[in-house]
Protein backbone atom coordinates (compact mmCIF):
# COMPACT_ATOMS: atom_id res chain seq x y z
CA MET A 1 -16.86 6.52 23.69
CA LYS A 2 -15.59 3.18 22.40
CA PRO A 3 -11.99 2.60 21.27
CA TYR A 4 -11.42 3.43 17.62
CA ALA A 5 -8.86 3.60 14.85
CA GLU A 6 -9.17 5.32 11.49
CA VAL A 7 -7.59 5.89 8.12
CA ILE A 8 -6.47 9.37 7.09
CA GLY A 9 -5.77 10.78 3.66
CA ASP A 10 -6.70 13.38 1.06
CA PRO A 11 -8.95 12.20 -0.58
CA ILE A 12 -10.30 9.51 1.73
CA ALA A 13 -13.97 8.83 0.89
CA HIS A 14 -12.99 5.98 -1.46
CA SER A 15 -11.23 3.99 1.28
CA LYS A 16 -12.40 0.42 1.89
CA SER A 17 -10.39 0.09 5.09
CA PRO A 18 -13.42 0.70 7.36
CA VAL A 19 -15.26 -2.20 5.69
CA ILE A 20 -12.30 -4.50 6.37
CA HIS A 21 -11.59 -3.54 9.97
CA ASN A 22 -15.23 -3.28 11.03
CA PHE A 23 -15.92 -6.70 9.49
CA TRP A 24 -13.14 -8.19 11.60
CA LEU A 25 -14.27 -6.33 14.74
CA ASP A 26 -17.79 -7.67 14.23
CA GLN A 27 -16.57 -11.23 13.65
CA LEU A 28 -14.52 -11.08 16.85
CA GLY A 29 -17.32 -9.46 18.87
CA MET A 30 -15.10 -6.51 19.83
CA ASP A 31 -16.69 -3.26 21.01
CA ALA A 32 -14.59 -0.91 18.91
CA GLU A 33 -14.83 0.84 15.56
CA TYR A 34 -12.79 1.95 12.57
CA ARG A 35 -13.59 4.94 10.37
CA THR A 36 -12.27 7.40 7.80
CA PHE A 37 -11.07 10.90 8.58
CA HIS A 38 -10.27 13.47 5.90
CA VAL A 39 -6.98 15.25 6.64
CA LYS A 40 -5.53 17.83 4.29
CA PRO A 41 -1.72 18.20 4.22
CA GLU A 42 -1.75 21.52 6.06
CA ALA A 43 -3.83 19.97 8.88
CA LEU A 44 -1.67 16.90 9.52
CA ALA A 45 0.17 18.30 12.56
CA ASP A 46 -3.10 19.44 14.15
CA TYR A 47 -4.63 16.03 13.53
CA PHE A 48 -1.90 14.18 15.42
CA ALA A 49 -1.91 16.75 18.24
CA ALA A 50 -5.64 16.30 18.74
CA ARG A 51 -5.62 12.51 18.57
CA ARG A 52 -2.77 12.15 21.08
CA ALA A 53 -5.05 13.75 23.67
CA ASP A 54 -7.81 11.19 23.01
CA PRO A 55 -7.40 8.04 25.16
CA ASN A 56 -9.81 6.10 22.92
CA TRP A 57 -7.71 6.57 19.78
CA ARG A 58 -5.83 3.35 19.01
CA GLY A 59 -4.02 4.71 15.95
CA CYS A 60 -4.51 5.21 12.26
CA ASN A 61 -3.63 3.99 8.83
CA VAL A 62 -2.00 6.61 6.64
CA THR A 63 -2.61 6.91 2.92
CA VAL A 64 -1.93 9.37 0.09
CA PRO A 65 -0.47 11.98 0.44
CA HIS A 66 0.71 11.62 4.06
CA LYS A 67 2.92 8.51 4.05
CA LEU A 68 6.16 10.46 4.13
CA ALA A 69 5.05 13.55 6.08
CA ALA A 70 3.53 11.49 8.91
CA LEU A 71 7.01 10.33 9.90
CA ASP A 72 7.65 13.79 11.32
CA HIS A 73 4.88 13.35 13.92
CA VAL A 74 5.62 9.94 15.46
CA ALA A 75 8.45 7.95 17.01
CA ASP A 76 10.41 5.71 14.66
CA PRO A 77 12.25 3.09 16.75
CA GLY A 78 12.36 0.66 13.83
CA ASP A 79 14.06 3.24 11.58
CA VAL A 80 11.37 3.08 8.94
CA ARG A 81 12.64 6.45 7.74
CA GLY A 82 16.04 4.90 7.02
CA SER A 83 14.66 1.76 5.37
CA ILE A 84 11.34 2.19 3.55
CA GLY A 85 11.17 5.95 4.10
CA ALA A 86 7.39 6.06 4.50
CA ILE A 87 4.80 4.82 6.99
CA ASN A 88 1.24 3.65 6.59
CA THR A 89 0.39 2.78 10.21
CA VAL A 90 0.57 4.66 13.53
CA PHE A 91 -0.17 2.76 16.76
CA ARG A 92 0.19 3.12 20.53
CA ASP A 93 3.01 1.13 22.13
CA GLU A 94 2.94 -0.45 25.60
CA ASP A 95 4.32 2.73 27.18
CA GLY A 96 1.66 4.95 25.61
CA GLY A 97 3.94 6.42 22.94
CA TRP A 98 3.00 6.68 19.28
CA ILE A 99 4.95 4.55 16.82
CA GLY A 100 5.08 4.74 13.05
CA THR A 101 5.54 1.59 10.98
CA ASN A 102 4.84 0.23 7.52
CA THR A 103 2.71 -2.83 6.79
CA ASP A 104 2.54 -2.18 3.03
CA ALA A 105 5.71 -4.13 2.23
CA ALA A 106 4.42 -7.33 3.82
CA GLY A 107 0.93 -6.71 2.44
CA PHE A 108 2.36 -6.32 -1.05
CA HIS A 109 4.45 -9.47 -0.85
CA ALA A 110 1.82 -11.86 0.55
CA PRO A 111 -0.13 -12.45 -2.73
CA ILE A 112 3.05 -13.16 -4.70
CA ALA A 113 4.92 -15.16 -2.05
CA GLY A 114 4.84 -18.23 -4.30
CA LEU A 115 6.29 -16.39 -7.31
CA ASP A 116 10.02 -16.91 -7.86
CA LEU A 117 11.37 -13.49 -8.79
CA THR A 118 15.04 -14.36 -8.32
CA ARG A 119 17.02 -12.44 -10.95
CA GLN A 120 13.77 -11.72 -12.82
CA PRO A 121 13.14 -8.28 -14.38
CA VAL A 122 10.49 -6.16 -12.68
CA ALA A 123 8.77 -2.89 -13.63
CA VAL A 124 7.22 -0.50 -11.10
CA ILE A 125 5.04 2.46 -11.99
CA GLY A 126 5.24 5.35 -9.53
CA ALA A 127 7.75 6.61 -6.97
CA GLY A 128 5.66 7.66 -3.97
CA GLY A 129 5.06 6.14 -0.55
CA ALA A 130 3.51 2.89 -1.85
CA ALA A 131 6.36 2.46 -4.34
CA ARG A 132 8.89 2.81 -1.51
CA ALA A 133 7.32 -0.11 0.38
CA ILE A 134 7.12 -2.21 -2.78
CA LEU A 135 10.73 -1.50 -3.77
CA PHE A 136 11.84 -2.33 -0.23
CA ALA A 137 10.08 -5.71 -0.51
CA LEU A 138 11.56 -6.34 -3.97
CA SER A 139 15.04 -5.55 -2.68
CA LYS A 140 14.69 -8.49 -0.27
CA LEU A 141 13.61 -10.94 -2.98
CA GLY A 142 16.76 -10.96 -5.11
CA VAL A 143 15.01 -9.60 -8.21
CA GLY A 144 16.86 -8.73 -11.41
CA ARG A 145 16.80 -5.32 -13.07
CA VAL A 146 14.05 -3.00 -11.88
CA THR A 147 12.61 -0.39 -14.21
CA ILE A 148 10.72 2.47 -12.55
CA LEU A 149 8.42 4.55 -14.73
CA ASN A 150 7.55 7.88 -13.17
CA ARG A 151 6.68 11.47 -14.06
CA ASN A 152 10.01 12.49 -12.53
CA PRO A 153 12.71 9.98 -13.55
CA LEU A 154 15.25 11.65 -11.25
CA LYS A 155 13.10 10.81 -8.24
CA ALA A 156 12.80 7.25 -9.50
CA ALA A 157 16.57 6.98 -9.96
CA ALA A 158 17.06 8.10 -6.37
CA LEU A 159 14.79 5.29 -5.18
CA LEU A 160 16.77 2.68 -7.10
CA ALA A 161 19.88 3.90 -5.31
CA THR A 162 18.12 4.02 -1.94
CA PHE A 163 17.13 0.37 -2.11
CA GLY A 164 20.31 -0.86 -3.78
CA LEU A 165 18.50 -1.99 -6.92
CA LYS A 166 20.02 -2.10 -10.39
CA GLY A 167 17.84 -0.90 -13.22
CA ASP A 168 16.51 2.10 -15.08
CA ALA A 169 14.45 5.17 -14.23
CA LEU A 170 12.27 6.20 -17.17
CA PRO A 171 9.43 8.62 -17.90
CA LEU A 172 5.85 7.33 -17.88
CA SER A 173 5.76 7.52 -21.67
CA ALA A 174 8.55 4.93 -22.02
CA PRO A 175 7.62 1.40 -23.14
CA LEU A 176 7.62 -1.40 -20.61
CA PRO A 177 10.53 -3.84 -20.60
CA PRO A 178 9.74 -7.59 -20.92
CA ALA A 179 9.26 -7.87 -17.16
CA LYS A 180 8.18 -10.91 -15.16
CA LEU A 181 6.24 -8.65 -12.79
CA VAL A 182 4.66 -5.23 -13.39
CA VAL A 183 3.36 -3.28 -10.42
CA ASN A 184 1.30 -0.11 -10.54
CA ALA A 185 2.26 1.66 -7.31
CA SER A 186 0.81 5.00 -8.42
CA THR A 187 -2.71 6.45 -8.12
CA LEU A 188 -3.08 6.43 -11.92
CA GLY A 189 -6.19 4.53 -12.86
CA MET A 190 -7.87 5.20 -9.52
CA THR A 191 -11.38 6.62 -9.54
CA GLY A 192 -11.08 10.40 -9.88
CA GLN A 193 -7.43 10.24 -10.98
CA PRO A 194 -5.89 10.37 -14.46
CA PRO A 195 -5.80 7.08 -16.38
CA LEU A 196 -2.72 4.90 -16.63
CA ASP A 197 -1.87 4.80 -20.33
CA ILE A 198 0.54 1.93 -20.78
CA ASP A 199 0.93 -0.90 -23.29
CA LEU A 200 1.43 -4.42 -21.92
CA THR A 201 2.44 -5.87 -25.31
CA PRO A 202 6.17 -6.20 -24.40
CA LEU A 203 5.37 -8.55 -21.50
CA PRO A 204 5.96 -12.31 -21.81
CA GLN A 205 2.99 -14.66 -21.44
CA ASP A 206 4.10 -15.74 -17.96
CA ALA A 207 4.19 -12.17 -16.63
CA VAL A 208 2.14 -11.09 -13.62
CA VAL A 209 0.41 -7.70 -13.53
CA TYR A 210 -0.21 -6.29 -10.05
CA ASP A 211 -2.25 -3.12 -9.50
CA ALA A 212 -2.19 -1.61 -5.99
CA VAL A 213 -5.23 0.52 -6.92
CA TYR A 214 -8.45 -0.93 -5.48
CA ALA A 215 -11.03 1.64 -6.53
CA PRO A 216 -12.07 0.36 -9.02
CA ILE A 217 -11.10 -3.26 -8.45
CA GLU A 218 -10.99 -4.02 -12.17
CA THR A 219 -8.72 -1.20 -13.32
CA PRO A 220 -8.04 -0.62 -17.02
CA LEU A 221 -4.55 -2.02 -16.41
CA LEU A 222 -5.93 -5.30 -15.05
CA ALA A 223 -8.57 -5.43 -17.80
CA GLN A 224 -5.81 -5.14 -20.41
CA ALA A 225 -3.86 -7.90 -18.63
CA HIS A 226 -6.92 -10.16 -18.56
CA ASP A 227 -7.44 -9.59 -22.29
CA ARG A 228 -3.90 -10.87 -22.86
CA GLY A 229 -4.45 -13.87 -20.59
CA LEU A 230 -1.88 -12.70 -18.03
CA ASP A 231 -2.03 -13.53 -14.33
CA THR A 232 -3.08 -10.58 -12.17
CA VAL A 233 -3.19 -9.39 -8.57
CA ASP A 234 -5.68 -6.69 -7.64
CA GLY A 235 -5.39 -4.00 -5.01
CA LEU A 236 -7.75 -5.71 -2.57
CA GLU A 237 -5.21 -8.44 -1.89
CA MET A 238 -2.53 -5.96 -0.84
CA LEU A 239 -5.09 -3.86 1.05
CA VAL A 240 -6.37 -6.78 3.13
CA GLY A 241 -2.85 -8.09 3.76
CA GLN A 242 -1.51 -4.81 5.12
CA ALA A 243 -4.75 -4.21 7.05
CA ALA A 244 -4.40 -7.53 8.89
CA LEU A 245 -1.05 -6.49 10.33
CA ALA A 246 -2.35 -3.05 11.30
CA PHE A 247 -5.50 -4.50 12.90
CA GLU A 248 -3.46 -6.52 15.38
CA LEU A 249 -1.41 -3.44 16.28
CA PHE A 250 -4.56 -1.37 16.86
CA PHE A 251 -6.79 -3.84 18.66
CA GLY A 252 -4.44 -6.48 20.10
CA ALA A 253 -6.09 -9.42 18.35
CA ALA A 254 -5.40 -11.33 15.15
CA PRO A 255 -8.10 -10.83 12.51
CA PRO A 256 -10.13 -13.89 11.38
CA ARG A 257 -8.39 -14.51 8.04
CA ASP A 258 -10.37 -17.71 7.60
CA ARG A 259 -13.26 -15.41 6.63
CA ASP A 260 -11.37 -13.74 3.75
CA ASP A 261 -13.76 -15.05 1.09
CA GLU A 262 -16.72 -13.51 2.90
CA LEU A 263 -14.81 -10.27 3.40
CA ARG A 264 -13.87 -10.06 -0.26
CA ALA A 265 -17.49 -10.63 -1.29
CA ARG A 266 -18.52 -7.78 0.99
CA LEU A 267 -15.82 -5.49 -0.43
CA LEU A 268 -16.99 -6.25 -3.96
CA GLY A 269 -20.66 -5.92 -3.11
């Protein structure tokens, strides 16, 4: 059997990660594969126990709802638990141990690296594993007040404190502040999930709307932003960015990022 990595979650059929990683493997001529594997929360411990016994398993990406729970099943030498508090990647280290890390923060930041957010107001929707990585990244950028909109404002308030951010924790029904950047870090608006009902009217004309959801690519949030003429970032950009870091950890080679246009066309096809 050839070496392989995979992405786990519940649900998982929507994942585009296999398209990304298998495209890169094919471009590099590597005899390996990447696939999806459906893991329910109650089966997470059994999954890791089984994969540790498989010498061909190079690791996995971790998506909803396992980003926090997976920390209990891997080593954490980088103290991801104490910083971001969630992982999205598990890989084998040089000594054969299994390490948890998070490539979401860097993947999130890459598309907006040229945007000056110093002391600028930001709004984040959601307070789960993806939000943790995004808030961690924002905490390093010197942003201004951060407003988190979430079903449970108490959970959101705890995240503001965790990452040393000043701001407000509000229910999802609250209006947006006039933020420079709005990020949907929730599953709202994803295919098969409830819609994200939010009004972008309070945003200034130079605001950027960033949706981490990538199924569909053109979410109702991004469609509303386009109607207002706002700049947008879709979920594919974050997905490909975090995948590139994970790919190198799994397969020991840098992905061919010079083929990103071709990859994006394939993802949209």
